Amino acid sequence: MTTKTNTHGIHHVTAIAGPAQRNLDFYTRVLGLRLVKKTVNFDDPGTYHFYFGDEAGSPGTILTFFPWEHVAPGRLGVGETQETVFRVPEGAVGYWTHRFVEKGVAHDAPARRFGESIVSFRDPDGMRLAIVGVPGIENEPAWTGGDVPAEFAIRGFHSVNLLLKDAAPTGAILTDVLGFTEIGREESLVRFKAGDTAIGGIVDIHVAGSFLPGRMGGGSVHHIAFRAADDAEELAMVKKLAENHGLHTTEQKDRNYFRSVYFREPGHVLFEIATDVPGFAIDEPLASLGQSLKLPPVYESRRSDIEKVLPEVA
């Protein structure tokens, strides 16, 4: 039986992108992630919603995008996610640095953060990303259907980095509600860890004080989703948010592959709590995930109209 600490951590990260084909090419061909679901924005069905992750789209590996063809670029600022960080084997950092040069990916020189090697880079929309070399993960399963050899492949999320005015109010939500514990500080960063969760188990808060607020647009993270094992655990988190912190969530929304509630945490980042169940294989076999356009039942009768307005992708 899975212990409760293993259900905590990051479930997925959702961001805003520009042209759909460019987004698809970068994450599948350059980063070697699997497209595990091609669906639509449930609130705007004329727009794709892409889900990238490991072979099965496991919680802690899923980066999702709403691609809009002519989106204006976002501006990084206080109250949003500064960086989304992937795990790679420690020995793969050199491979990725070389790959970024080879593929023309904007990136920084390797650095150290909390004792680990990190290389920050940007996607074509300017979204801030990084890879961190983690020792001892070489034998973890990796998606090998892309162009990146298994020994160098991404193994889910390492962390997210939030740019906030102050760490304490958000830290109280992370520790009391979402299953994290503060484990360290380094310069202006405060690190929180979700028990023994290896994949997607870290949140760093970059304390920026009074800085310009962020502006949503291309390259911005729209929200971060945190894991709940099931509806009961999600409901318990919702109750604790209200009773201990005076924060109220939306009603539960069925996203087909998980069930979600949303709320603004004290630093103004949009947080989601998403259930691990039922997962991405509920409407297509594991072997063919992401190959066909999947629509929620409410939109199925409009499929032909929706397909006409979505840009063609290959």
Protein backbone atom coordinates (compact mmCIF):
# COMPACT_ATOMS: atom_id res chain seq x y z
CA MET A 1 0.00 0.00 0.00
CA THR A 2 1.30 3.46 -0.89
CA THR A 3 2.14 5.57 2.14
CA LYS A 4 0.56 8.94 2.44
CA THR A 5 3.82 10.87 2.01
CA ASN A 6 4.25 9.35 -1.44
CA THR A 7 1.09 11.03 -2.72
CA HIS A 8 2.42 14.53 -2.10
CA GLY A 9 4.50 16.72 -4.40
CA ILE A 10 3.90 18.29 -7.80
CA HIS A 11 1.24 16.67 -9.99
CA HIS A 12 1.72 18.86 -13.09
CA VAL A 13 2.72 22.31 -14.28
CA THR A 14 0.60 24.16 -16.87
CA ALA A 15 2.02 26.97 -19.00
CA ILE A 16 1.12 29.22 -21.94
CA ALA A 17 2.81 28.80 -25.31
CA GLY A 18 2.81 30.30 -28.78
CA PRO A 19 2.37 28.24 -32.00
CA ALA A 20 1.28 24.67 -31.32
CA GLN A 21 3.65 22.92 -33.73
CA ARG A 22 6.68 24.78 -32.37
CA ASN A 23 5.69 23.85 -28.81
CA LEU A 24 5.17 20.21 -29.79
CA ASP A 25 8.50 20.00 -31.61
CA PHE A 26 10.51 21.50 -28.77
CA TYR A 27 9.18 19.29 -25.98
CA THR A 28 9.10 16.02 -27.91
CA ARG A 29 12.11 16.41 -30.21
CA VAL A 30 14.51 18.65 -28.30
CA LEU A 31 13.68 17.59 -24.73
CA GLY A 32 12.59 14.06 -25.62
CA LEU A 33 9.36 14.04 -23.59
CA ARG A 34 6.37 11.96 -24.61
CA LEU A 35 3.18 13.64 -25.80
CA VAL A 36 0.84 11.71 -23.52
CA LYS A 37 -2.38 13.57 -24.31
CA LYS A 38 -3.62 15.80 -27.10
CA THR A 39 -6.89 17.37 -26.05
CA VAL A 40 -8.44 20.85 -25.82
CA ASN A 41 -8.64 23.54 -23.18
CA PHE A 42 -11.89 22.52 -21.43
CA ASP A 43 -12.72 26.21 -20.92
CA ASP A 44 -11.77 27.21 -24.50
CA PRO A 45 -12.18 24.20 -26.82
CA GLY A 46 -10.82 26.09 -29.83
CA THR A 47 -7.37 25.79 -28.22
CA TYR A 48 -5.25 22.69 -27.77
CA HIS A 49 -4.14 21.38 -24.41
CA PHE A 50 -0.95 19.33 -24.74
CA TYR A 51 0.36 17.10 -21.96
CA PHE A 52 4.02 16.03 -22.02
CA GLY A 53 5.54 13.55 -19.57
CA ASP A 54 7.01 10.11 -19.10
CA GLU A 55 5.69 7.00 -20.80
CA ALA A 56 2.49 6.88 -18.74
CA GLY A 57 2.12 10.56 -17.86
CA SER A 58 2.87 9.80 -14.21
CA PRO A 59 2.17 12.49 -11.61
CA GLY A 60 5.34 14.53 -11.13
CA THR A 61 6.35 14.29 -14.80
CA ILE A 62 3.58 16.21 -16.55
CA LEU A 63 4.18 19.60 -18.18
CA THR A 64 1.11 20.89 -20.00
CA PHE A 65 0.52 23.79 -22.38
CA PHE A 66 -2.23 25.95 -23.79
CA PRO A 67 -0.73 27.01 -27.16
CA TRP A 68 -2.11 30.22 -28.68
CA GLU A 69 -0.81 31.18 -32.12
CA HIS A 70 -0.49 34.93 -31.54
CA VAL A 71 -0.05 35.14 -27.77
CA ALA A 72 1.77 38.19 -26.42
CA PRO A 73 4.88 37.36 -24.40
CA GLY A 74 4.57 37.26 -20.63
CA ARG A 75 6.75 39.20 -18.20
CA LEU A 76 8.37 37.48 -15.25
CA GLY A 77 7.63 39.08 -11.91
CA VAL A 78 6.62 38.53 -8.33
CA GLY A 79 3.65 36.25 -7.82
CA GLU A 80 4.45 33.57 -10.38
CA THR A 81 6.61 30.58 -11.18
CA GLN A 82 10.13 31.64 -12.07
CA GLU A 83 11.52 28.28 -13.21
CA THR A 84 10.35 24.73 -13.87
CA VAL A 85 13.15 22.23 -13.24
CA PHE A 86 13.63 18.69 -14.61
CA ARG A 87 15.65 15.81 -13.15
CA VAL A 88 18.36 14.14 -15.23
CA PRO A 89 21.09 11.68 -14.18
CA GLU A 90 24.08 13.49 -12.72
CA GLY A 91 26.31 12.30 -15.56
CA ALA A 92 23.94 13.72 -18.19
CA VAL A 93 24.52 17.43 -17.47
CA GLY A 94 27.32 17.64 -20.05
CA TYR A 95 25.16 15.91 -22.65
CA TRP A 96 22.36 18.44 -22.15
CA THR A 97 24.70 21.44 -22.24
CA HIS A 98 26.06 20.19 -25.57
CA ARG A 99 22.54 19.47 -26.86
CA PHE A 100 21.39 23.01 -26.04
CA VAL A 101 24.32 24.40 -28.04
CA GLU A 102 23.65 21.99 -30.93
CA LYS A 103 19.91 22.80 -31.04
CA GLY A 104 20.32 26.56 -30.57
CA VAL A 105 18.56 26.57 -27.21
CA ALA A 106 19.17 29.71 -25.10
CA HIS A 107 20.85 28.59 -21.87
CA ASP A 108 23.09 29.70 -19.02
CA ALA A 109 26.42 28.28 -17.90
CA PRO A 110 26.18 25.34 -15.45
CA ALA A 111 25.86 26.46 -11.84
CA ARG A 112 25.37 24.93 -8.39
CA ARG A 113 22.18 25.11 -6.34
CA PHE A 114 21.84 23.34 -3.02
CA GLY A 115 24.92 21.30 -3.97
CA GLU A 116 23.54 20.07 -7.30
CA SER A 117 24.58 20.93 -10.88
CA ILE A 118 21.93 22.98 -12.68
CA VAL A 119 21.69 24.39 -16.20
CA SER A 120 18.96 26.95 -16.79
CA PHE A 121 17.50 27.34 -20.28
CA ARG A 122 14.53 28.81 -22.15
CA ASP A 123 12.02 27.33 -24.56
CA PRO A 124 11.06 29.13 -27.82
CA ASP A 125 8.46 31.22 -25.92
CA GLY A 126 10.96 32.28 -23.27
CA MET A 127 9.62 29.93 -20.57
CA ARG A 128 12.30 29.51 -17.91
CA LEU A 129 13.34 25.90 -17.45
CA ALA A 130 16.32 24.03 -16.02
CA ILE A 131 17.84 20.58 -15.73
CA VAL A 132 19.40 19.38 -12.49
CA GLY A 133 21.83 16.46 -12.30
CA VAL A 134 20.64 14.04 -9.61
CA PRO A 135 22.96 11.22 -8.45
CA GLY A 136 21.74 7.62 -8.45
CA ILE A 137 18.78 7.92 -10.85
CA GLU A 138 20.41 6.31 -13.88
CA ASN A 139 18.35 3.15 -13.52
CA GLU A 140 14.99 4.87 -13.16
CA PRO A 141 12.71 4.17 -16.15
CA ALA A 142 12.89 6.73 -18.94
CA TRP A 143 10.86 7.39 -22.07
CA THR A 144 12.92 6.19 -25.03
CA GLY A 145 10.52 6.93 -27.89
CA GLY A 146 12.14 10.29 -28.62
CA ASP A 147 15.57 11.41 -29.81
CA VAL A 148 17.24 11.43 -26.38
CA PRO A 149 19.04 8.21 -25.35
CA ALA A 150 17.71 6.58 -22.18
CA GLU A 151 20.88 7.19 -20.16
CA PHE A 152 20.47 10.97 -20.57
CA ALA A 153 16.68 11.28 -20.62
CA ILE A 154 14.60 13.48 -18.34
CA ARG A 155 13.15 11.69 -15.30
CA GLY A 156 10.24 13.94 -14.37
CA PHE A 157 10.30 17.16 -12.37
CA HIS A 158 12.95 18.06 -9.87
CA SER A 159 11.24 21.21 -8.59
CA VAL A 160 9.49 24.46 -9.29
CA ASN A 161 10.88 27.83 -8.26
CA LEU A 162 8.36 30.47 -7.18
CA LEU A 163 9.28 34.17 -7.30
CA LEU A 164 7.51 35.71 -4.31
CA LYS A 165 7.68 38.79 -2.11
CA ASP A 166 7.90 36.68 1.05
CA ALA A 167 8.32 32.96 1.74
CA ALA A 168 6.43 32.54 5.01
CA PRO A 169 2.73 32.83 3.93
CA THR A 170 3.15 30.43 1.00
CA GLY A 171 5.39 28.20 3.08
CA ALA A 172 2.56 27.83 5.60
CA ILE A 173 0.30 26.41 2.85
CA LEU A 174 3.02 24.09 1.55
CA THR A 175 3.75 22.69 5.01
CA ASP A 176 0.30 22.59 6.61
CA VAL A 177 -1.81 21.56 3.61
CA LEU A 178 0.30 20.18 0.76
CA GLY A 179 2.65 17.84 2.62
CA PHE A 180 5.97 19.72 2.38
CA THR A 181 8.63 20.52 4.99
CA GLU A 182 11.20 23.31 4.89
CA ILE A 183 14.59 21.63 4.49
CA GLY A 184 17.08 24.38 3.69
CA ARG A 185 17.98 27.93 2.77
CA GLU A 186 20.59 29.23 0.33
CA GLU A 187 20.97 32.95 -0.34
CA SER A 188 17.45 34.16 -1.29
CA LEU A 189 16.02 30.63 -1.77
CA VAL A 190 13.95 28.64 0.72
CA ARG A 191 13.59 24.95 -0.14
CA PHE A 192 10.61 22.74 0.73
CA LYS A 193 10.49 18.97 0.25
CA ALA A 194 7.48 16.61 0.14
CA GLY A 195 8.54 13.70 2.34
CA ASP A 196 10.33 10.98 0.38
CA THR A 197 8.75 11.94 -2.96
CA ALA A 198 11.62 11.75 -5.45
CA ILE A 199 9.87 12.98 -8.60
CA GLY A 200 8.34 16.45 -8.30
CA GLY A 201 9.08 16.58 -4.61
CA ILE A 202 10.66 20.04 -4.25
CA VAL A 203 9.40 23.64 -4.21
CA ASP A 204 11.90 26.48 -3.96
CA ILE A 205 10.72 29.96 -3.03
CA HIS A 206 12.89 32.79 -4.33
CA VAL A 207 12.29 35.71 -1.97
CA ALA A 208 12.34 38.85 -4.10
CA GLY A 209 10.77 41.49 -1.86
CA SER A 210 9.04 44.37 -3.63
CA PHE A 211 9.57 43.63 -7.31
CA LEU A 212 7.44 44.12 -10.40
CA PRO A 213 4.42 41.80 -10.52
CA GLY A 214 4.37 39.20 -13.28
CA ARG A 215 2.22 39.50 -16.38
CA MET A 216 0.76 36.35 -17.92
CA GLY A 217 1.54 35.57 -21.55
CA GLY A 218 3.61 33.30 -23.75
CA GLY A 219 6.27 31.56 -21.67
CA SER A 220 4.39 32.08 -18.38
CA VAL A 221 3.36 29.29 -16.04
CA HIS A 222 -0.41 29.48 -15.61
CA HIS A 223 -0.65 27.25 -12.54
CA ILE A 224 1.01 24.50 -10.53
CA ALA A 225 -0.93 21.40 -9.51
CA PHE A 226 -0.14 19.44 -6.36
CA ARG A 227 -0.97 15.81 -5.77
CA ALA A 228 -3.84 14.26 -3.83
CA ALA A 229 -4.19 10.49 -3.95
CA ASP A 230 -7.95 10.59 -4.43
CA ASP A 231 -11.12 12.61 -3.81
CA ALA A 232 -11.03 12.00 -0.06
CA GLU A 233 -7.51 13.36 0.34
CA GLU A 234 -8.35 16.33 -1.88
CA LEU A 235 -11.41 17.11 0.22
CA ALA A 236 -9.32 16.96 3.40
CA MET A 237 -6.90 19.49 1.90
CA VAL A 238 -9.78 21.78 0.88
CA LYS A 239 -11.14 21.63 4.41
CA LYS A 240 -7.75 22.42 5.96
CA LEU A 241 -7.25 25.38 3.59
CA ALA A 242 -10.57 26.87 4.69
CA GLU A 243 -10.35 26.11 8.41
CA ASN A 244 -6.67 26.89 9.02
CA HIS A 245 -5.96 29.57 6.41
CA GLY A 246 -9.29 31.12 5.37
CA LEU A 247 -8.68 30.14 1.75
CA HIS A 248 -11.49 28.77 -0.37
CA THR A 249 -11.14 26.71 -3.52
CA THR A 250 -13.28 26.42 -6.61
CA GLU A 251 -15.75 23.57 -6.81
CA GLN A 252 -14.20 20.30 -7.97
CA LYS A 253 -13.75 20.18 -11.75
CA ASP A 254 -13.55 16.90 -13.67
CA ARG A 255 -10.57 17.09 -16.04
CA ASN A 256 -11.11 13.51 -17.32
CA TYR A 257 -7.64 12.37 -16.25
CA PHE A 258 -7.79 13.86 -12.74
CA ARG A 259 -10.23 15.86 -10.62
CA SER A 260 -9.19 19.33 -9.53
CA VAL A 261 -9.81 22.30 -7.30
CA TYR A 262 -8.07 25.68 -7.67
CA PHE A 263 -7.12 28.54 -5.35
CA ARG A 264 -4.77 31.54 -5.14
CA GLU A 265 -2.14 31.00 -2.51
CA PRO A 266 -1.01 34.03 -0.41
CA GLY A 267 1.77 34.94 -2.88
CA HIS A 268 -0.85 35.09 -5.69
CA VAL A 269 0.31 32.00 -7.61
CA LEU A 270 -2.61 29.91 -8.89
CA PHE A 271 -2.40 26.51 -7.19
CA GLU A 272 -4.40 23.42 -8.14
CA ILE A 273 -4.90 20.21 -6.18
CA ALA A 274 -5.27 17.30 -8.60
CA THR A 275 -6.06 13.66 -7.89
CA ASP A 276 -3.67 10.93 -9.05
CA VAL A 277 -6.66 8.99 -10.36
CA PRO A 278 -7.85 7.99 -12.91
CA GLY A 279 -4.79 8.79 -15.08
CA PHE A 280 -4.17 9.20 -18.81
CA ALA A 281 -4.88 5.65 -19.98
CA ILE A 282 -8.60 6.01 -19.21
CA ASP A 283 -9.53 6.86 -22.83
CA GLU A 284 -6.72 5.37 -24.96
CA PRO A 285 -4.21 2.53 -24.55
CA LEU A 286 -0.82 3.23 -22.97
CA ALA A 287 0.95 2.28 -26.20
CA SER A 288 -0.85 4.94 -28.24
CA LEU A 289 -1.12 7.80 -25.74
CA GLY A 290 -1.18 11.23 -27.37
CA GLN A 291 -1.71 10.02 -30.91
CA SER A 292 -5.33 11.09 -31.45
CA LEU A 293 -7.34 14.13 -30.39
CA LYS A 294 -9.30 13.26 -27.24
CA LEU A 295 -12.30 15.38 -26.30
CA PRO A 296 -14.33 15.42 -23.10
CA PRO A 297 -17.80 13.92 -23.60
CA VAL A 298 -19.45 17.36 -23.46
CA TYR A 299 -17.58 18.39 -26.64
CA GLU A 300 -17.71 15.14 -28.60
CA SER A 301 -20.80 16.20 -30.57
CA ARG A 302 -18.87 19.28 -31.74
CA ARG A 303 -15.76 17.34 -32.81
CA SER A 304 -15.87 18.28 -36.51
CA ASP A 305 -16.25 22.00 -35.75
CA ILE A 306 -13.48 21.90 -33.13
CA GLU A 307 -11.11 20.07 -35.46
CA LYS A 308 -11.66 22.73 -38.14
CA VAL A 309 -10.45 25.57 -35.91
CA LEU A 310 -7.49 23.78 -34.32
CA PRO A 311 -4.19 24.21 -36.20
CA GLU A 312 -2.84 21.10 -37.86
CA VAL A 313 0.06 19.49 -36.01
CA ALA A 314 2.24 16.51 -36.87
